Amino acid sequence: MRRRRNMTGLVLAASLSAVPLLGAAAAPDGPGTPAFGRRLAKEACSECHIVAPDQEDEGKWPAPNLMDRMRNPAITEMALRSYLQTSHPIMPNIRLSPEQTDDIVAYLLTFKEATR
């Protein structure tokens, strides 16, 4: 009887340890993914900035086209992170979580890769 309980506990523990792996495999997007970053950028930034090739409006002057800005070699991943986590006088004070920052940075970096 005791051996059966130990075996049941072992099987249960083994099956529960696989749950996080199944969840990760089932979700194609996660923090730091361009797909989430694209959605966030469209929601939070597209009122003023051009953030996607299929964006229909032109943004608001003087907000730069973010896809074009990514051609600047001085804009690094670290610079993007710093910029997104800092408030700016002429921009709305959008507070991003670290995960949201990861997502938007991952998305914007796809434009830098496309220019290579």
PDB file of N, CA and C in Angstrom:
ATOM      1  N   MET A   1       0.820  -1.190   0.000  1.00  0.00           N
ATOM      2  CA  MET A   1       0.000   0.000   0.000  1.00  0.00           C
ATOM      3  C   MET A   1       0.865   1.255   0.000  1.00  0.00           C
ATOM      4  N   ARG A   2       1.866   1.248   0.861  1.00  0.00           N
ATOM      5  CA  ARG A   2       2.748   2.401   0.945  1.00  0.00           C
ATOM      6  C   ARG A   2       3.502   2.602  -0.370  1.00  0.00           C
ATOM      7  N   ARG A   3       3.928   1.511  -0.964  1.00  0.00           N
ATOM      8  CA  ARG A   3       4.654   1.590  -2.227  1.00  0.00           C
ATOM      9  C   ARG A   3       3.749   2.172  -3.323  1.00  0.00           C
ATOM     10  N   ARG A   4       2.474   1.805  -3.313  1.00  0.00           N
ATOM     11  CA  ARG A   4       1.531   2.311  -4.311  1.00  0.00           C
ATOM     12  C   ARG A   4       1.363   3.824  -4.166  1.00  0.00           C
ATOM     13  N   ARG A   5       1.274   4.337  -2.922  1.00  0.00           N
ATOM     14  CA  ARG A   5       1.157   5.784  -2.703  1.00  0.00           C
ATOM     15  C   ARG A   5       2.398   6.506  -3.206  1.00  0.00           C
ATOM     16  N   ASN A   6       3.562   5.950  -2.940  1.00  0.00           N
ATOM     17  CA  ASN A   6       4.800   6.571  -3.411  1.00  0.00           C
ATOM     18  C   ASN A   6       4.837   6.625  -4.933  1.00  0.00           C
ATOM     19  N   MET A   7       4.408   5.533  -5.566  1.00  0.00           N
ATOM     20  CA  MET A   7       4.399   5.485  -7.024  1.00  0.00           C
ATOM     21  C   MET A   7       3.384   6.485  -7.579  1.00  0.00           C
ATOM     22  N   THR A   8       2.214   6.580  -6.958  1.00  0.00           N
ATOM     23  CA  THR A   8       1.198   7.541  -7.393  1.00  0.00           C
ATOM     24  C   THR A   8       1.723   8.965  -7.256  1.00  0.00           C
ATOM     25  N   GLY A   9       2.379   9.256  -6.153  1.00  0.00           N
ATOM     26  CA  GLY A   9       2.964  10.585  -5.954  1.00  0.00           C
ATOM     27  C   GLY A   9       4.023  10.896  -6.989  1.00  0.00           C
ATOM     28  N   LEU A  10       4.834   9.899  -7.320  1.00  0.00           N
ATOM     29  CA  LEU A  10       5.887  10.090  -8.315  1.00  0.00           C
ATOM     30  C   LEU A  10       5.293  10.371  -9.693  1.00  0.00           C
ATOM     31  N   VAL A  11       4.268   9.604 -10.068  1.00  0.00           N
ATOM     32  CA  VAL A  11       3.613   9.805 -11.363  1.00  0.00           C
ATOM     33  C   VAL A  11       2.951  11.181 -11.410  1.00  0.00           C
ATOM     34  N   LEU A  12       2.287  11.566 -10.332  1.00  0.00           N
ATOM     35  CA  LEU A  12       1.637  12.876 -10.271  1.00  0.00           C
ATOM     36  C   LEU A  12       2.663  14.002 -10.385  1.00  0.00           C
ATOM     37  N   ALA A  13       3.756  13.891  -9.666  1.00  0.00           N
ATOM     38  CA  ALA A  13       4.803  14.918  -9.722  1.00  0.00           C
ATOM     39  C   ALA A  13       5.398  15.014 -11.116  1.00  0.00           C
ATOM     40  N   ALA A  14       5.634  13.881 -11.745  1.00  0.00           N
ATOM     41  CA  ALA A  14       6.208  13.886 -13.093  1.00  0.00           C
ATOM     42  C   ALA A  14       5.251  14.523 -14.089  1.00  0.00           C
ATOM     43  N   SER A  15       3.956  14.216 -13.965  1.00  0.00           N
ATOM     44  CA  SER A  15       3.002  14.790 -14.914  1.00  0.00           C
ATOM     45  C   SER A  15       2.826  16.286 -14.695  1.00  0.00           C
ATOM     46  N   LEU A  16       2.841  16.742 -13.450  1.00  0.00           N
ATOM     47  CA  LEU A  16       2.705  18.176 -13.178  1.00  0.00           C
ATOM     48  C   LEU A  16       3.931  18.955 -13.616  1.00  0.00           C
ATOM     49  N   SER A  17       5.087  18.340 -13.568  1.00  0.00           N
ATOM     50  CA  SER A  17       6.294  19.054 -13.981  1.00  0.00           C
ATOM     51  C   SER A  17       6.299  19.323 -15.476  1.00  0.00           C
ATOM     52  N   ALA A  18       5.526  18.577 -16.245  1.00  0.00           N
ATOM     53  CA  ALA A  18       5.465  18.791 -17.688  1.00  0.00           C
ATOM     54  C   ALA A  18       4.467  19.872 -18.074  1.00  0.00           C
ATOM     55  N   VAL A  19       3.594  20.290 -17.172  1.00  0.00           N
ATOM     56  CA  VAL A  19       2.568  21.287 -17.492  1.00  0.00           C
ATOM     57  C   VAL A  19       3.165  22.592 -17.994  1.00  0.00           C
ATOM     58  N   PRO A  20       4.181  23.171 -17.339  1.00  0.00           N
ATOM     59  CA  PRO A  20       4.739  24.410 -17.882  1.00  0.00           C
ATOM     60  C   PRO A  20       5.302  24.237 -19.284  1.00  0.00           C
ATOM     61  N   LEU A  21       5.864  23.085 -19.577  1.00  0.00           N
ATOM     62  CA  LEU A  21       6.407  22.852 -20.911  1.00  0.00           C
ATOM     63  C   LEU A  21       5.301  22.812 -21.948  1.00  0.00           C
ATOM     64  N   LEU A  22       4.182  22.194 -21.614  1.00  0.00           N
ATOM     65  CA  LEU A  22       3.056  22.156 -22.543  1.00  0.00           C
ATOM     66  C   LEU A  22       2.496  23.543 -22.786  1.00  0.00           C
ATOM     67  N   GLY A  23       2.394  24.338 -21.744  1.00  0.00           N
ATOM     68  CA  GLY A  23       1.896  25.699 -21.903  1.00  0.00           C
ATOM     69  C   GLY A  23       2.810  26.528 -22.776  1.00  0.00           C
ATOM     70  N   ALA A  24       4.111  26.355 -22.614  1.00  0.00           N
ATOM     71  CA  ALA A  24       5.068  27.111 -23.423  1.00  0.00           C
ATOM     72  C   ALA A  24       4.985  26.696 -24.876  1.00  0.00           C
ATOM     73  N   ALA A  25       4.802  25.413 -25.124  1.00  0.00           N
ATOM     74  CA  ALA A  25       4.731  24.944 -26.500  1.00  0.00           C
ATOM     75  C   ALA A  25       3.429  25.378 -27.160  1.00  0.00           C
ATOM     76  N   ALA A  26       2.367  25.496 -26.392  1.00  0.00           N
ATOM     77  CA  ALA A  26       1.073  25.847 -26.962  1.00  0.00           C
ATOM     78  C   ALA A  26       0.969  27.327 -27.294  1.00  0.00           C
ATOM     79  N   ALA A  27       1.730  28.162 -26.629  1.00  0.00           N
ATOM     80  CA  ALA A  27       1.665  29.604 -26.867  1.00  0.00           C
ATOM     81  C   ALA A  27       2.795  30.018 -27.795  1.00  0.00           C
ATOM     82  N   PRO A  28       2.509  30.351 -29.062  1.00  0.00           N
ATOM     83  CA  PRO A  28       3.568  30.714 -29.988  1.00  0.00           C
ATOM     84  C   PRO A  28       4.233  32.039 -29.643  1.00  0.00           C
ATOM     85  N   ASP A  29       3.499  32.901 -28.968  1.00  0.00           N
ATOM     86  CA  ASP A  29       4.043  34.198 -28.599  1.00  0.00           C
ATOM     87  C   ASP A  29       4.263  34.235 -27.100  1.00  0.00           C
ATOM     88  N   GLY A  30       5.218  35.013 -26.680  1.00  0.00           N
ATOM     89  CA  GLY A  30       5.468  35.206 -25.268  1.00  0.00           C
ATOM     90  C   GLY A  30       6.177  36.527 -25.104  1.00  0.00           C
ATOM     91  N   PRO A  31       6.560  36.862 -23.899  1.00  0.00           N
ATOM     92  CA  PRO A  31       7.289  38.117 -23.703  1.00  0.00           C
ATOM     93  C   PRO A  31       8.527  38.179 -24.591  1.00  0.00           C
ATOM     94  N   GLY A  32       8.760  39.328 -25.158  1.00  0.00           N
ATOM     95  CA  GLY A  32       9.916  39.506 -26.027  1.00  0.00           C
ATOM     96  C   GLY A  32       9.680  39.026 -27.442  1.00  0.00           C
ATOM     97  N   THR A  33       8.448  38.875 -27.845  1.00  0.00           N
ATOM     98  CA  THR A  33       8.178  38.419 -29.205  1.00  0.00           C
ATOM     99  C   THR A  33       7.676  39.569 -30.071  1.00  0.00           C
ATOM    100  N   PRO A  34       8.114  39.601 -31.314  1.00  0.00           N
ATOM    101  CA  PRO A  34       7.686  40.670 -32.214  1.00  0.00           C
ATOM    102  C   PRO A  34       6.172  40.739 -32.419  1.00  0.00           C
ATOM    103  N   ALA A  35       5.481  39.603 -32.414  1.00  0.00           N
ATOM    104  CA  ALA A  35       4.024  39.630 -32.640  1.00  0.00           C
ATOM    105  C   ALA A  35       3.307  40.397 -31.535  1.00  0.00           C
ATOM    106  N   PHE A  36       3.682  40.152 -30.291  1.00  0.00           N
ATOM    107  CA  PHE A  36       3.092  40.921 -29.195  1.00  0.00           C
ATOM    108  C   PHE A  36       3.515  42.382 -29.298  1.00  0.00           C
ATOM    109  N   GLY A  37       4.777  42.618 -29.636  1.00  0.00           N
ATOM    110  CA  GLY A  37       5.281  43.981 -29.755  1.00  0.00           C
ATOM    111  C   GLY A  37       4.553  44.774 -30.819  1.00  0.00           C
ATOM    112  N   ARG A  38       4.242  44.122 -31.924  1.00  0.00           N
ATOM    113  CA  ARG A  38       3.493  44.796 -32.992  1.00  0.00           C
ATOM    114  C   ARG A  38       2.123  45.236 -32.479  1.00  0.00           C
ATOM    115  N   ARG A  39       1.434  44.329 -31.785  1.00  0.00           N
ATOM    116  CA  ARG A  39       0.112  44.678 -31.247  1.00  0.00           C
ATOM    117  C   ARG A  39       0.208  45.824 -30.245  1.00  0.00           C
ATOM    118  N   LEU A  40       1.195  45.750 -29.362  1.00  0.00           N
ATOM    119  CA  LEU A  40       1.362  46.814 -28.365  1.00  0.00           C
ATOM    120  C   LEU A  40       1.700  48.143 -29.022  1.00  0.00           C
ATOM    121  N   ALA A  41       2.600  48.119 -29.998  1.00  0.00           N
ATOM    122  CA  ALA A  41       2.989  49.355 -30.679  1.00  0.00           C
ATOM    123  C   ALA A  41       1.791  49.968 -31.399  1.00  0.00           C
ATOM    124  N   LYS A  42       0.975  49.128 -32.022  1.00  0.00           N
ATOM    125  CA  LYS A  42      -0.219  49.650 -32.694  1.00  0.00           C
ATOM    126  C   LYS A  42      -1.178  50.273 -31.686  1.00  0.00           C
ATOM    127  N   GLU A  43      -1.323  49.650 -30.516  1.00  0.00           N
ATOM    128  CA  GLU A  43      -2.238  50.176 -29.498  1.00  0.00           C
ATOM    129  C   GLU A  43      -1.694  51.434 -28.826  1.00  0.00           C
ATOM    130  N   ALA A  44      -0.412  51.435 -28.489  1.00  0.00           N
ATOM    131  CA  ALA A  44       0.143  52.499 -27.649  1.00  0.00           C
ATOM    132  C   ALA A  44       0.829  53.612 -28.425  1.00  0.00           C
ATOM    133  N   CYS A  45       1.313  53.344 -29.627  1.00  0.00           N
ATOM    134  CA  CYS A  45       2.181  54.315 -30.306  1.00  0.00           C
ATOM    135  C   CYS A  45       1.637  54.826 -31.636  1.00  0.00           C
ATOM    136  N   SER A  46       0.724  54.083 -32.261  1.00  0.00           N
ATOM    137  CA  SER A  46       0.352  54.410 -33.640  1.00  0.00           C
ATOM    138  C   SER A  46      -0.517  55.651 -33.784  1.00  0.00           C
ATOM    139  N   GLU A  47      -1.023  56.169 -32.694  1.00  0.00           N
ATOM    140  CA  GLU A  47      -1.789  57.411 -32.802  1.00  0.00           C
ATOM    141  C   GLU A  47      -0.880  58.543 -33.286  1.00  0.00           C
ATOM    142  N   CYS A  48       0.392  58.475 -32.919  1.00  0.00           N
ATOM    143  CA  CYS A  48       1.338  59.519 -33.319  1.00  0.00           C
ATOM    144  C   CYS A  48       2.416  59.012 -34.281  1.00  0.00           C
ATOM    145  N   HIS A  49       2.881  57.785 -34.092  1.00  0.00           N
ATOM    146  CA  HIS A  49       4.001  57.241 -34.867  1.00  0.00           C
ATOM    147  C   HIS A  49       3.522  56.255 -35.927  1.00  0.00           C
ATOM    148  N   ILE A  50       4.298  56.150 -37.002  1.00  0.00           N
ATOM    149  CA  ILE A  50       4.114  55.055 -37.952  1.00  0.00           C
ATOM    150  C   ILE A  50       4.859  53.871 -37.346  1.00  0.00           C
ATOM    151  N   VAL A  51       4.138  52.773 -37.100  1.00  0.00           N
ATOM    152  CA  VAL A  51       4.749  51.626 -36.430  1.00  0.00           C
ATOM    153  C   VAL A  51       4.643  50.335 -37.235  1.00  0.00           C
ATOM    154  N   ALA A  52       3.936  50.368 -38.368  1.00  0.00           N
ATOM    155  CA  ALA A  52       3.757  49.146 -39.149  1.00  0.00           C
ATOM    156  C   ALA A  52       3.624  49.496 -40.624  1.00  0.00           C
ATOM    157  N   PRO A  53       4.116  48.623 -41.491  1.00  0.00           N
ATOM    158  CA  PRO A  53       4.025  48.893 -42.928  1.00  0.00           C
ATOM    159  C   PRO A  53       2.588  49.033 -43.425  1.00  0.00           C
ATOM    160  N   ASP A  54       1.647  48.370 -42.774  1.00  0.00           N
ATOM    161  CA  ASP A  54       0.255  48.425 -43.220  1.00  0.00           C
ATOM    162  C   ASP A  54      -0.565  49.506 -42.517  1.00  0.00           C
ATOM    163  N   GLN A  55       0.108  50.381 -41.794  1.00  0.00           N
ATOM    164  CA  GLN A  55      -0.602  51.449 -41.081  1.00  0.00           C
ATOM    165  C   GLN A  55      -1.145  52.456 -42.088  1.00  0.00           C
ATOM    166  N   GLU A  56      -2.418  52.765 -41.982  1.00  0.00           N
ATOM    167  CA  GLU A  56      -3.063  53.614 -42.981  1.00  0.00           C
ATOM    168  C   GLU A  56      -2.888  55.099 -42.736  1.00  0.00           C
ATOM    169  N   ASP A  57      -2.918  55.530 -41.475  1.00  0.00           N
ATOM    170  CA  ASP A  57      -2.749  56.968 -41.238  1.00  0.00           C
ATOM    171  C   ASP A  57      -1.264  57.319 -41.247  1.00  0.00           C
ATOM    172  N   GLU A  58      -0.972  58.591 -41.223  1.00  0.00           N
ATOM    173  CA  GLU A  58       0.411  59.038 -41.350  1.00  0.00           C
ATOM    174  C   GLU A  58       1.046  59.444 -40.036  1.00  0.00           C
ATOM    175  N   GLY A  59       0.394  59.215 -38.930  1.00  0.00           N
ATOM    176  CA  GLY A  59       0.954  59.646 -37.657  1.00  0.00           C
ATOM    177  C   GLY A  59       0.811  61.150 -37.505  1.00  0.00           C
ATOM    178  N   LYS A  60       1.387  61.685 -36.461  1.00  0.00           N
ATOM    179  CA  LYS A  60       1.306  63.122 -36.196  1.00  0.00           C
ATOM    180  C   LYS A  60       2.710  63.714 -36.182  1.00  0.00           C
ATOM    181  N   TRP A  61       2.863  64.833 -36.848  1.00  0.00           N
ATOM    182  CA  TRP A  61       4.129  65.540 -36.799  1.00  0.00           C
ATOM    183  C   TRP A  61       4.290  66.118 -35.408  1.00  0.00           C
ATOM    184  N   PRO A  62       5.424  66.121 -34.790  1.00  0.00           N
ATOM    185  CA  PRO A  62       6.751  65.724 -35.248  1.00  0.00           C
ATOM    186  C   PRO A  62       7.140  64.301 -34.860  1.00  0.00           C
ATOM    187  N   ALA A  63       6.166  63.452 -34.560  1.00  0.00           N
ATOM    188  CA  ALA A  63       6.485  62.081 -34.154  1.00  0.00           C
ATOM    189  C   ALA A  63       7.124  61.329 -35.319  1.00  0.00           C
ATOM    190  N   PRO A  64       8.302  60.751 -35.103  1.00  0.00           N
ATOM    191  CA  PRO A  64       8.998  60.089 -36.210  1.00  0.00           C
ATOM    192  C   PRO A  64       8.365  58.750 -36.589  1.00  0.00           C
ATOM    193  N   ASN A  65       8.607  58.356 -37.816  1.00  0.00           N
ATOM    194  CA  ASN A  65       8.259  57.029 -38.308  1.00  0.00           C
ATOM    195  C   ASN A  65       9.236  56.057 -37.642  1.00  0.00           C
ATOM    196  N   LEU A  66       8.736  55.183 -36.785  1.00  0.00           N
ATOM    197  CA  LEU A  66       9.627  54.315 -36.012  1.00  0.00           C
ATOM    198  C   LEU A  66      10.333  53.279 -36.873  1.00  0.00           C
ATOM    199  N   MET A  67       9.715  52.869 -37.965  1.00  0.00           N
ATOM    200  CA  MET A  67      10.392  51.924 -38.860  1.00  0.00           C
ATOM    201  C   MET A  67      11.608  52.591 -39.493  1.00  0.00           C
ATOM    202  N   ASP A  68      11.458  53.849 -39.914  1.00  0.00           N
ATOM    203  CA  ASP A  68      12.588  54.583 -40.493  1.00  0.00           C
ATOM    204  C   ASP A  68      13.670  54.850 -39.456  1.00  0.00           C
ATOM    205  N   ARG A  69      13.258  55.158 -38.224  1.00  0.00           N
ATOM    206  CA  ARG A  69      14.240  55.448 -37.167  1.00  0.00           C
ATOM    207  C   ARG A  69      15.148  54.257 -36.886  1.00  0.00           C
ATOM    208  N   MET A  70      14.648  53.066 -37.110  1.00  0.00           N
ATOM    209  CA  MET A  70      15.442  51.873 -36.821  1.00  0.00           C
ATOM    210  C   MET A  70      16.619  51.721 -37.780  1.00  0.00           C
ATOM    211  N   ARG A  71      16.645  52.484 -38.846  1.00  0.00           N
ATOM    212  CA  ARG A  71      17.798  52.457 -39.764  1.00  0.00           C
ATOM    213  C   ARG A  71      19.019  53.141 -39.166  1.00  0.00           C
ATOM    214  N   ASN A  72      18.811  53.946 -38.147  1.00  0.00           N
ATOM    215  CA  ASN A  72      19.904  54.661 -37.489  1.00  0.00           C
ATOM    216  C   ASN A  72      20.724  53.670 -36.662  1.00  0.00           C
ATOM    217  N   PRO A  73      22.025  53.509 -36.975  1.00  0.00           N
ATOM    218  CA  PRO A  73      22.841  52.543 -36.237  1.00  0.00           C
ATOM    219  C   PRO A  73      23.009  52.896 -34.762  1.00  0.00           C
ATOM    220  N   ALA A  74      22.781  54.146 -34.392  1.00  0.00           N
ATOM    221  CA  ALA A  74      22.924  54.546 -32.987  1.00  0.00           C
ATOM    222  C   ALA A  74      21.774  54.027 -32.124  1.00  0.00           C
ATOM    223  N   ILE A  75      20.690  53.631 -32.760  1.00  0.00           N
ATOM    224  CA  ILE A  75      19.554  53.108 -31.995  1.00  0.00           C
ATOM    225  C   ILE A  75      19.784  51.621 -31.764  1.00  0.00           C
ATOM    226  N   THR A  76      20.214  51.319 -30.565  1.00  0.00           N
ATOM    227  CA  THR A  76      20.519  49.947 -30.168  1.00  0.00           C
ATOM    228  C   THR A  76      19.384  49.392 -29.309  1.00  0.00           C
ATOM    229  N   GLU A  77      19.469  48.124 -29.009  1.00  0.00           N
ATOM    230  CA  GLU A  77      18.475  47.515 -28.124  1.00  0.00           C
ATOM    231  C   GLU A  77      18.460  48.224 -26.773  1.00  0.00           C
ATOM    232  N   MET A  78      19.641  48.511 -26.233  1.00  0.00           N
ATOM    233  CA  MET A  78      19.719  49.182 -24.936  1.00  0.00           C
ATOM    234  C   MET A  78      19.130  50.588 -25.015  1.00  0.00           C
ATOM    235  N   ALA A  79      19.404  51.303 -26.108  1.00  0.00           N
ATOM    236  CA  ALA A  79      18.858  52.651 -26.268  1.00  0.00           C
ATOM    237  C   ALA A  79      17.330  52.613 -26.352  1.00  0.00           C
ATOM    238  N   LEU A  80      16.791  51.630 -27.074  1.00  0.00           N
ATOM    239  CA  LEU A  80      15.335  51.492 -27.160  1.00  0.00           C
ATOM    240  C   LEU A  80      14.720  51.234 -25.790  1.00  0.00           C
ATOM    241  N   ARG A  81      15.316  50.320 -25.048  1.00  0.00           N
ATOM    242  CA  ARG A  81      14.799  50.000 -23.713  1.00  0.00           C
ATOM    243  C   ARG A  81      14.787  51.239 -22.823  1.00  0.00           C
ATOM    244  N   SER A  82      15.892  51.962 -22.851  1.00  0.00           N
ATOM    245  CA  SER A  82      16.003  53.166 -22.036  1.00  0.00           C
ATOM    246  C   SER A  82      14.943  54.186 -22.442  1.00  0.00           C
ATOM    247  N   TYR A  83      14.783  54.390 -23.734  1.00  0.00           N
ATOM    248  CA  TYR A  83      13.820  55.362 -24.235  1.00  0.00           C
ATOM    249  C   TYR A  83      12.395  54.983 -23.840  1.00  0.00           C
ATOM    250  N   LEU A  84      12.059  53.709 -23.976  1.00  0.00           N
ATOM    251  CA  LEU A  84      10.699  53.264 -23.671  1.00  0.00           C
ATOM    252  C   LEU A  84      10.377  53.309 -22.181  1.00  0.00           C
ATOM    253  N   GLN A  85      11.393  53.277 -21.339  1.00  0.00           N
ATOM    254  CA  GLN A  85      11.176  53.292 -19.891  1.00  0.00           C
ATOM    255  C   GLN A  85      11.297  54.692 -19.289  1.00  0.00           C
ATOM    256  N   THR A  86      11.548  55.706 -20.130  1.00  0.00           N
ATOM    257  CA  THR A  86      11.734  57.078 -19.663  1.00  0.00           C
ATOM    258  C   THR A  86      10.583  57.944 -20.171  1.00  0.00           C
ATOM    259  N   SER A  87      10.071  58.825 -19.328  1.00  0.00           N
ATOM    260  CA  SER A  87       9.019  59.732 -19.800  1.00  0.00           C
ATOM    261  C   SER A  87       9.650  60.860 -20.616  1.00  0.00           C
ATOM    262  N   HIS A  88       8.866  61.408 -21.534  1.00  0.00           N
ATOM    263  CA  HIS A  88       9.334  62.475 -22.422  1.00  0.00           C
ATOM    264  C   HIS A  88       8.295  63.588 -22.427  1.00  0.00           C
ATOM    265  N   PRO A  89       8.747  64.854 -22.433  1.00  0.00           N
ATOM    266  CA  PRO A  89       7.817  65.976 -22.289  1.00  0.00           C
ATOM    267  C   PRO A  89       6.738  66.059 -23.368  1.00  0.00           C
ATOM    268  N   ILE A  90       7.038  65.718 -24.608  1.00  0.00           N
ATOM    269  CA  ILE A  90       6.035  65.891 -25.664  1.00  0.00           C
ATOM    270  C   ILE A  90       5.260  64.609 -25.970  1.00  0.00           C
ATOM    271  N   MET A  91       5.487  63.565 -25.176  1.00  0.00           N
ATOM    272  CA  MET A  91       4.794  62.295 -25.394  1.00  0.00           C
ATOM    273  C   MET A  91       3.891  61.978 -24.210  1.00  0.00           C
ATOM    274  N   PRO A  92       2.831  61.213 -24.460  1.00  0.00           N
ATOM    275  CA  PRO A  92       2.035  60.740 -23.323  1.00  0.00           C
ATOM    276  C   PRO A  92       2.914  59.866 -22.427  1.00  0.00           C
ATOM    277  N   ASN A  93       2.637  59.880 -21.150  1.00  0.00           N
ATOM    278  CA  ASN A  93       3.431  59.090 -20.212  1.00  0.00           C
ATOM    279  C   ASN A  93       2.870  57.667 -20.166  1.00  0.00           C
ATOM    280  N   ILE A  94       3.250  56.863 -21.139  1.00  0.00           N
ATOM    281  CA  ILE A  94       2.793  55.480 -21.223  1.00  0.00           C
ATOM    282  C   ILE A  94       3.719  54.626 -20.370  1.00  0.00           C
ATOM    283  N   ARG A  95       3.146  53.955 -19.407  1.00  0.00           N
ATOM    284  CA  ARG A  95       3.945  53.096 -18.529  1.00  0.00           C
ATOM    285  C   ARG A  95       3.888  51.669 -19.067  1.00  0.00           C
ATOM    286  N   LEU A  96       5.052  51.166 -19.436  1.00  0.00           N
ATOM    287  CA  LEU A  96       5.155  49.806 -19.957  1.00  0.00           C
ATOM    288  C   LEU A  96       5.769  48.898 -18.908  1.00  0.00           C
ATOM    289  N   SER A  97       5.257  47.697 -18.821  1.00  0.00           N
ATOM    290  CA  SER A  97       5.879  46.705 -17.948  1.00  0.00           C
ATOM    291  C   SER A  97       7.179  46.247 -18.614  1.00  0.00           C
ATOM    292  N   PRO A  98       8.061  45.600 -17.875  1.00  0.00           N
ATOM    293  CA  PRO A  98       9.277  45.066 -18.501  1.00  0.00           C
ATOM    294  C   PRO A  98       8.950  44.105 -19.649  1.00  0.00           C
ATOM    295  N   GLU A  99       7.903  43.311 -19.504  1.00  0.00           N
ATOM    296  CA  GLU A  99       7.524  42.375 -20.564  1.00  0.00           C
ATOM    297  C   GLU A  99       7.029  43.114 -21.801  1.00  0.00           C
ATOM    298  N   GLN A 100       6.242  44.166 -21.603  1.00  0.00           N
ATOM    299  CA  GLN A 100       5.764  44.962 -22.735  1.00  0.00           C
ATOM    300  C   GLN A 100       6.935  45.648 -23.432  1.00  0.00           C
ATOM    301  N   THR A 101       7.883  46.135 -22.649  1.00  0.00           N
ATOM    302  CA  THR A 101       9.082  46.740 -23.231  1.00  0.00           C
ATOM    303  C   THR A 101       9.827  45.711 -24.061  1.00  0.00           C
ATOM    304  N   ASP A 102       9.996  44.498 -23.538  1.00  0.00           N
ATOM    305  CA  ASP A 102      10.658  43.423 -24.288  1.00  0.00           C
ATOM    306  C   ASP A 102       9.962  43.182 -25.618  1.00  0.00           C
ATOM    307  N   ASP A 103       8.635  43.145 -25.590  1.00  0.00           N
ATOM    308  CA  ASP A 103       7.867  42.876 -26.804  1.00  0.00           C
ATOM    309  C   ASP A 103       8.037  43.979 -27.842  1.00  0.00           C
ATOM    310  N   ILE A 104       7.909  45.230 -27.424  1.00  0.00           N
ATOM    311  CA  ILE A 104       8.034  46.341 -28.375  1.00  0.00           C
ATOM    312  C   ILE A 104       9.454  46.420 -28.918  1.00  0.00           C
ATOM    313  N   VAL A 105      10.444  46.225 -28.075  1.00  0.00           N
ATOM    314  CA  VAL A 105      11.839  46.228 -28.536  1.00  0.00           C
ATOM    315  C   VAL A 105      12.046  45.108 -29.556  1.00  0.00           C
ATOM    316  N   ALA A 106      11.547  43.912 -29.268  1.00  0.00           N
ATOM    317  CA  ALA A 106      11.689  42.789 -30.207  1.00  0.00           C
ATOM    318  C   ALA A 106      11.051  43.134 -31.548  1.00  0.00           C
ATOM    319  N   TYR A 107       9.893  43.776 -31.523  1.00  0.00           N
ATOM    320  CA  TYR A 107       9.219  44.165 -32.759  1.00  0.00           C
ATOM    321  C   TYR A 107      10.018  45.215 -33.526  1.00  0.00           C
ATOM    322  N   LEU A 108      10.430  46.266 -32.849  1.00  0.00           N
ATOM    323  CA  LEU A 108      11.162  47.331 -33.541  1.00  0.00           C
ATOM    324  C   LEU A 108      12.493  46.839 -34.095  1.00  0.00           C
ATOM    325  N   LEU A 109      13.131  45.919 -33.411  1.00  0.00           N
ATOM    326  CA  LEU A 109      14.405  45.388 -33.903  1.00  0.00           C
ATOM    327  C   LEU A 109      14.235  44.592 -35.194  1.00  0.00           C
ATOM    328  N   THR A 110      13.028  44.129 -35.491  1.00  0.00           N
ATOM    329  CA  THR A 110      12.828  43.434 -36.769  1.00  0.00           C
ATOM    330  C   THR A 110      13.044  44.387 -37.939  1.00  0.00           C
ATOM    331  N   PHE A 111      12.796  45.674 -37.751  1.00  0.00           N
ATOM    332  CA  PHE A 111      13.033  46.647 -38.819  1.00  0.00           C
ATOM    333  C   PHE A 111      14.518  46.910 -38.991  1.00  0.00           C
ATOM    334  N   LYS A 112      15.267  46.852 -37.917  1.00  0.00           N
ATOM    335  CA  LYS A 112      16.715  47.017 -38.006  1.00  0.00           C
ATOM    336  C   LYS A 112      17.313  45.843 -38.774  1.00  0.00           C
ATOM    337  N   GLU A 113      16.836  44.632 -38.492  1.00  0.00           N
ATOM    338  CA  GLU A 113      17.325  43.442 -39.181  1.00  0.00           C
ATOM    339  C   GLU A 113      16.972  43.483 -40.660  1.00  0.00           C
ATOM    340  N   ALA A 114      15.827  44.037 -40.992  1.00  0.00           N
ATOM    341  CA  ALA A 114      15.382  44.103 -42.383  1.00  0.00           C
ATOM    342  C   ALA A 114      16.238  45.048 -43.217  1.00  0.00           C
ATOM    343  N   THR A 115      16.936  45.980 -42.575  1.00  0.00           N
ATOM    344  CA  THR A 115      17.749  46.945 -43.325  1.00  0.00           C
ATOM    345  C   THR A 115      19.174  46.455 -43.548  1.00  0.00           C
ATOM    346  N   ARG A 116      19.531  45.320 -42.982  1.00  0.00           N
ATOM    347  CA  ARG A 116      20.906  44.809 -43.152  1.00  0.00           C
ATOM    348  C   ARG A 116      21.105  44.188 -44.491  1.00  0.00           C
TER     349      ARG A 116
END
